[in-house]
Amino acid sequence: MKYPVTPDGRYFVVRGRLWRMANPALAPERREALTQELMAARRAVGAAMRAEDQEALKAARMAVDQAKRGLGERGPVWWEDGAPDLNRKKAKDTEYAGWYAALDR
């Protein structure tokens, strides 16, 4: 993977920020279907922006959100140990700080 993944597999790091991974418990077929929906929704966002169509943009962004929630990247966390959601937090300001500092970037 291009981006480092936390040891527990919950997040990947981009420019120092944590981004929630998809739920690894999803069936491969379901993950593939949701990923296809996400990519189509992202293309729709781009098309709506180019067309300056605010209604289409709103619908496309809702579709992105729905796909990301289905994947587990947004909404309730997919892990069950009570750990908080650190999505979009700076890695250096979280419990992953030591791990992140030790990465060979």
N, C-alpha and C. Protein backbone atom coordinates (compact mmCIF):
# COMPACT_ATOMS: atom_id res chain seq x y z
N MET A 1 0.84 -1.18 0.00
CA MET A 1 0.00 0.00 0.00
C MET A 1 0.89 1.24 0.00
N LYS A 2 0.45 2.24 -0.70
CA LYS A 2 1.20 3.48 -0.84
C LYS A 2 1.30 4.24 0.48
N TYR A 3 0.28 4.15 1.31
CA TYR A 3 0.24 4.90 2.56
C TYR A 3 0.40 3.94 3.73
N PRO A 4 1.11 4.38 4.78
CA PRO A 4 1.28 3.49 5.93
C PRO A 4 -0.05 3.23 6.64
N VAL A 5 -0.20 2.01 7.10
CA VAL A 5 -1.40 1.58 7.82
C VAL A 5 -1.03 1.34 9.27
N THR A 6 -1.85 1.84 10.18
CA THR A 6 -1.57 1.65 11.61
C THR A 6 -1.50 0.16 11.93
N PRO A 7 -0.75 -0.19 12.96
CA PRO A 7 -0.57 -1.61 13.30
C PRO A 7 -1.88 -2.36 13.53
N ASP A 8 -2.92 -1.67 13.99
CA ASP A 8 -4.20 -2.34 14.23
C ASP A 8 -5.08 -2.38 12.99
N GLY A 9 -4.62 -1.78 11.88
CA GLY A 9 -5.35 -1.82 10.63
C GLY A 9 -6.57 -0.92 10.57
N ARG A 10 -6.69 -0.01 11.50
CA ARG A 10 -7.88 0.86 11.52
C ARG A 10 -7.75 2.09 10.64
N TYR A 11 -6.54 2.57 10.45
CA TYR A 11 -6.31 3.81 9.72
C TYR A 11 -5.13 3.69 8.77
N PHE A 12 -5.14 4.53 7.73
CA PHE A 12 -3.94 4.76 6.94
C PHE A 12 -3.62 6.24 7.12
N VAL A 13 -2.39 6.61 6.82
CA VAL A 13 -1.93 7.98 7.07
C VAL A 13 -1.59 8.66 5.76
N VAL A 14 -2.15 9.86 5.59
CA VAL A 14 -1.85 10.71 4.44
C VAL A 14 -1.49 12.08 4.98
N ARG A 15 -0.27 12.52 4.65
CA ARG A 15 0.21 13.83 5.10
C ARG A 15 0.01 14.04 6.60
N GLY A 16 0.28 12.99 7.35
CA GLY A 16 0.24 13.08 8.80
C GLY A 16 -1.13 12.89 9.44
N ARG A 17 -2.16 12.73 8.63
CA ARG A 17 -3.53 12.55 9.17
C ARG A 17 -3.99 11.12 9.03
N LEU A 18 -4.75 10.69 10.03
CA LEU A 18 -5.34 9.36 10.03
C LEU A 18 -6.64 9.37 9.23
N TRP A 19 -6.81 8.35 8.40
CA TRP A 19 -8.04 8.17 7.63
C TRP A 19 -8.50 6.75 7.86
N ARG A 20 -9.76 6.61 8.22
CA ARG A 20 -10.30 5.30 8.57
C ARG A 20 -10.30 4.34 7.39
N MET A 21 -9.86 3.12 7.64
CA MET A 21 -9.87 2.06 6.64
C MET A 21 -11.28 1.48 6.53
N ALA A 22 -11.52 0.79 5.44
CA ALA A 22 -12.78 0.07 5.28
C ALA A 22 -12.83 -1.10 6.26
N ASN A 23 -14.01 -1.51 6.59
CA ASN A 23 -14.22 -2.63 7.52
C ASN A 23 -13.68 -3.91 6.89
N PRO A 24 -12.67 -4.53 7.52
CA PRO A 24 -12.10 -5.75 6.95
C PRO A 24 -13.04 -6.95 7.02
N ALA A 25 -14.12 -6.84 7.78
CA ALA A 25 -15.06 -7.95 7.90
C ALA A 25 -16.08 -7.99 6.75
N LEU A 26 -16.06 -6.97 5.88
CA LEU A 26 -16.98 -6.97 4.75
C LEU A 26 -16.65 -8.13 3.81
N ALA A 27 -17.66 -8.76 3.30
CA ALA A 27 -17.46 -9.81 2.30
C ALA A 27 -16.82 -9.17 1.06
N PRO A 28 -15.89 -9.86 0.41
CA PRO A 28 -15.22 -9.27 -0.76
C PRO A 28 -16.18 -8.75 -1.82
N GLU A 29 -17.27 -9.47 -2.06
CA GLU A 29 -18.23 -9.03 -3.07
C GLU A 29 -18.90 -7.72 -2.66
N ARG A 30 -19.22 -7.62 -1.38
CA ARG A 30 -19.86 -6.39 -0.87
C ARG A 30 -18.90 -5.23 -0.94
N ARG A 31 -17.64 -5.47 -0.55
CA ARG A 31 -16.62 -4.41 -0.61
C ARG A 31 -16.45 -3.93 -2.05
N GLU A 32 -16.39 -4.86 -2.98
CA GLU A 32 -16.23 -4.50 -4.39
C GLU A 32 -17.41 -3.67 -4.88
N ALA A 33 -18.63 -4.09 -4.54
CA ALA A 33 -19.82 -3.36 -4.97
C ALA A 33 -19.83 -1.94 -4.39
N LEU A 34 -19.50 -1.81 -3.11
CA LEU A 34 -19.47 -0.49 -2.49
C LEU A 34 -18.36 0.38 -3.06
N THR A 35 -17.23 -0.23 -3.37
CA THR A 35 -16.13 0.52 -3.98
C THR A 35 -16.54 1.03 -5.35
N GLN A 36 -17.23 0.21 -6.12
CA GLN A 36 -17.72 0.65 -7.43
C GLN A 36 -18.72 1.80 -7.27
N GLU A 37 -19.59 1.69 -6.27
CA GLU A 37 -20.55 2.78 -6.01
C GLU A 37 -19.82 4.06 -5.64
N LEU A 38 -18.78 3.93 -4.82
CA LEU A 38 -18.01 5.09 -4.40
C LEU A 38 -17.33 5.75 -5.58
N MET A 39 -16.72 4.97 -6.44
CA MET A 39 -16.03 5.54 -7.60
C MET A 39 -17.03 6.23 -8.54
N ALA A 40 -18.20 5.62 -8.74
CA ALA A 40 -19.22 6.24 -9.58
C ALA A 40 -19.71 7.55 -8.96
N ALA A 41 -19.88 7.56 -7.66
CA ALA A 41 -20.33 8.77 -6.97
C ALA A 41 -19.27 9.87 -7.07
N ARG A 42 -18.00 9.50 -6.95
CA ARG A 42 -16.94 10.50 -7.08
C ARG A 42 -16.89 11.07 -8.50
N ARG A 43 -17.10 10.22 -9.49
CA ARG A 43 -17.17 10.72 -10.87
C ARG A 43 -18.35 11.68 -11.03
N ALA A 44 -19.46 11.35 -10.38
CA ALA A 44 -20.65 12.21 -10.44
C ALA A 44 -20.39 13.55 -9.77
N VAL A 45 -19.62 13.55 -8.70
CA VAL A 45 -19.25 14.82 -8.05
C VAL A 45 -18.49 15.69 -9.05
N GLY A 46 -17.50 15.10 -9.70
CA GLY A 46 -16.72 15.86 -10.68
C GLY A 46 -17.56 16.40 -11.81
N ALA A 47 -18.45 15.56 -12.33
CA ALA A 47 -19.32 15.99 -13.43
C ALA A 47 -20.24 17.12 -12.99
N ALA A 48 -20.79 17.01 -11.80
CA ALA A 48 -21.68 18.05 -11.29
C ALA A 48 -20.94 19.36 -11.07
N MET A 49 -19.70 19.25 -10.60
CA MET A 49 -18.91 20.47 -10.40
C MET A 49 -18.60 21.14 -11.73
N ARG A 50 -18.24 20.33 -12.72
CA ARG A 50 -17.94 20.90 -14.04
C ARG A 50 -19.18 21.54 -14.65
N ALA A 51 -20.32 20.94 -14.41
CA ALA A 51 -21.58 21.46 -14.95
C ALA A 51 -22.17 22.57 -14.09
N GLU A 52 -21.55 22.79 -12.93
CA GLU A 52 -22.04 23.79 -11.97
C GLU A 52 -23.50 23.52 -11.61
N ASP A 53 -23.82 22.25 -11.43
CA ASP A 53 -25.18 21.81 -11.10
C ASP A 53 -25.24 21.49 -9.61
N GLN A 54 -25.75 22.41 -8.83
CA GLN A 54 -25.75 22.28 -7.38
C GLN A 54 -26.62 21.12 -6.89
N GLU A 55 -27.73 20.87 -7.52
CA GLU A 55 -28.59 19.75 -7.12
C GLU A 55 -27.90 18.42 -7.36
N ALA A 56 -27.29 18.28 -8.53
CA ALA A 56 -26.57 17.05 -8.85
C ALA A 56 -25.37 16.88 -7.92
N LEU A 57 -24.72 17.98 -7.59
CA LEU A 57 -23.58 17.93 -6.69
C LEU A 57 -24.00 17.44 -5.30
N LYS A 58 -25.12 17.96 -4.82
CA LYS A 58 -25.63 17.54 -3.52
C LYS A 58 -25.94 16.04 -3.53
N ALA A 59 -26.61 15.58 -4.57
CA ALA A 59 -26.96 14.15 -4.68
C ALA A 59 -25.70 13.29 -4.78
N ALA A 60 -24.72 13.74 -5.55
CA ALA A 60 -23.49 12.96 -5.71
C ALA A 60 -22.72 12.89 -4.40
N ARG A 61 -22.65 13.98 -3.67
CA ARG A 61 -21.96 13.96 -2.38
C ARG A 61 -22.67 13.06 -1.37
N MET A 62 -23.99 13.03 -1.45
CA MET A 62 -24.73 12.11 -0.58
C MET A 62 -24.43 10.66 -0.95
N ALA A 63 -24.28 10.39 -2.24
CA ALA A 63 -23.94 9.04 -2.68
C ALA A 63 -22.54 8.64 -2.22
N VAL A 64 -21.59 9.59 -2.25
CA VAL A 64 -20.24 9.32 -1.74
C VAL A 64 -20.34 8.97 -0.26
N ASP A 65 -21.07 9.78 0.49
CA ASP A 65 -21.21 9.54 1.93
C ASP A 65 -21.84 8.18 2.20
N GLN A 66 -22.87 7.84 1.46
CA GLN A 66 -23.54 6.56 1.66
C GLN A 66 -22.59 5.38 1.39
N ALA A 67 -21.82 5.47 0.33
CA ALA A 67 -20.87 4.40 0.01
C ALA A 67 -19.79 4.30 1.09
N LYS A 68 -19.28 5.44 1.54
CA LYS A 68 -18.25 5.42 2.58
C LYS A 68 -18.78 4.86 3.89
N ARG A 69 -20.02 5.17 4.21
CA ARG A 69 -20.63 4.59 5.41
C ARG A 69 -20.79 3.08 5.26
N GLY A 70 -21.18 2.64 4.08
CA GLY A 70 -21.31 1.21 3.84
C GLY A 70 -19.98 0.49 3.98
N LEU A 71 -18.91 1.14 3.55
CA LEU A 71 -17.57 0.56 3.66
C LEU A 71 -17.04 0.61 5.09
N GLY A 72 -17.64 1.45 5.93
CA GLY A 72 -17.16 1.60 7.30
C GLY A 72 -16.17 2.72 7.47
N GLU A 73 -15.94 3.50 6.43
CA GLU A 73 -14.99 4.60 6.50
C GLU A 73 -15.57 5.82 7.19
N ARG A 74 -16.89 5.88 7.30
CA ARG A 74 -17.59 6.94 8.02
C ARG A 74 -18.68 6.30 8.85
N GLY A 75 -19.26 7.12 9.73
CA GLY A 75 -20.34 6.61 10.57
C GLY A 75 -19.79 5.85 11.77
N PRO A 76 -20.59 4.96 12.32
CA PRO A 76 -20.15 4.20 13.49
C PRO A 76 -18.89 3.39 13.17
N VAL A 77 -18.01 3.31 14.14
CA VAL A 77 -16.77 2.54 13.93
C VAL A 77 -17.10 1.06 13.79
N TRP A 78 -16.24 0.34 13.09
CA TRP A 78 -16.47 -1.09 12.87
C TRP A 78 -15.77 -1.97 13.90
N TRP A 79 -14.94 -1.40 14.72
CA TRP A 79 -14.30 -2.19 15.77
C TRP A 79 -15.17 -2.14 17.02
N GLU A 80 -14.96 -3.11 17.90
CA GLU A 80 -15.87 -3.26 19.03
C GLU A 80 -15.20 -3.17 20.40
N ASP A 81 -13.98 -2.63 20.44
CA ASP A 81 -13.28 -2.57 21.73
C ASP A 81 -13.46 -1.24 22.46
N GLY A 82 -14.31 -0.37 21.93
CA GLY A 82 -14.58 0.91 22.60
C GLY A 82 -13.58 2.01 22.28
N ALA A 83 -12.59 1.73 21.45
CA ALA A 83 -11.61 2.76 21.09
C ALA A 83 -12.31 3.87 20.31
N PRO A 84 -11.90 5.11 20.54
CA PRO A 84 -12.55 6.24 19.86
C PRO A 84 -12.18 6.28 18.37
N ASP A 85 -12.98 7.03 17.64
CA ASP A 85 -12.70 7.25 16.23
C ASP A 85 -11.74 8.42 16.11
N LEU A 86 -10.59 8.19 15.52
CA LEU A 86 -9.58 9.23 15.37
C LEU A 86 -9.46 9.69 13.93
N ASN A 87 -10.48 9.41 13.14
CA ASN A 87 -10.47 9.78 11.73
C ASN A 87 -10.18 11.27 11.57
N ARG A 88 -9.25 11.57 10.69
CA ARG A 88 -8.83 12.93 10.33
C ARG A 88 -7.99 13.63 11.40
N LYS A 89 -7.67 12.94 12.47
CA LYS A 89 -6.80 13.53 13.49
C LYS A 89 -5.34 13.42 13.03
N LYS A 90 -4.51 14.31 13.51
CA LYS A 90 -3.08 14.23 13.23
C LYS A 90 -2.51 13.04 13.99
N ALA A 91 -1.81 12.18 13.29
CA ALA A 91 -1.25 10.98 13.91
C ALA A 91 -0.37 11.34 15.10
N LYS A 92 0.38 12.41 15.00
CA LYS A 92 1.30 12.80 16.07
C LYS A 92 0.58 13.21 17.36
N ASP A 93 -0.73 13.47 17.26
CA ASP A 93 -1.50 13.88 18.43
C ASP A 93 -2.38 12.76 18.98
N THR A 94 -2.09 11.53 18.57
CA THR A 94 -2.91 10.39 18.98
C THR A 94 -2.04 9.31 19.62
N GLU A 95 -2.67 8.22 20.00
CA GLU A 95 -1.93 7.09 20.56
C GLU A 95 -0.99 6.44 19.53
N TYR A 96 -1.11 6.83 18.27
CA TYR A 96 -0.25 6.30 17.22
C TYR A 96 1.02 7.14 17.04
N ALA A 97 1.22 8.14 17.88
CA ALA A 97 2.34 9.07 17.72
C ALA A 97 3.69 8.36 17.68
N GLY A 98 3.93 7.44 18.59
CA GLY A 98 5.21 6.73 18.62
C GLY A 98 5.41 5.89 17.37
N TRP A 99 4.38 5.18 16.97
CA TRP A 99 4.44 4.37 15.75
C TRP A 99 4.72 5.27 14.54
N TYR A 100 4.01 6.39 14.46
CA TYR A 100 4.17 7.29 13.32
C TYR A 100 5.56 7.91 13.29
N ALA A 101 6.06 8.30 14.44
CA ALA A 101 7.40 8.91 14.52
C ALA A 101 8.47 7.92 14.09
N ALA A 102 8.24 6.65 14.32
CA ALA A 102 9.25 5.63 14.00
C ALA A 102 9.23 5.22 12.52
N LEU A 103 8.25 5.67 11.76
CA LEU A 103 8.19 5.30 10.35
C LEU A 103 9.36 5.88 9.59
N ASP A 104 9.85 5.13 8.64
CA ASP A 104 10.90 5.62 7.75
C ASP A 104 10.22 6.27 6.56
N ARG A 105 10.02 7.58 6.67
CA ARG A 105 9.31 8.30 5.61
C ARG A 105 10.34 8.86 4.69
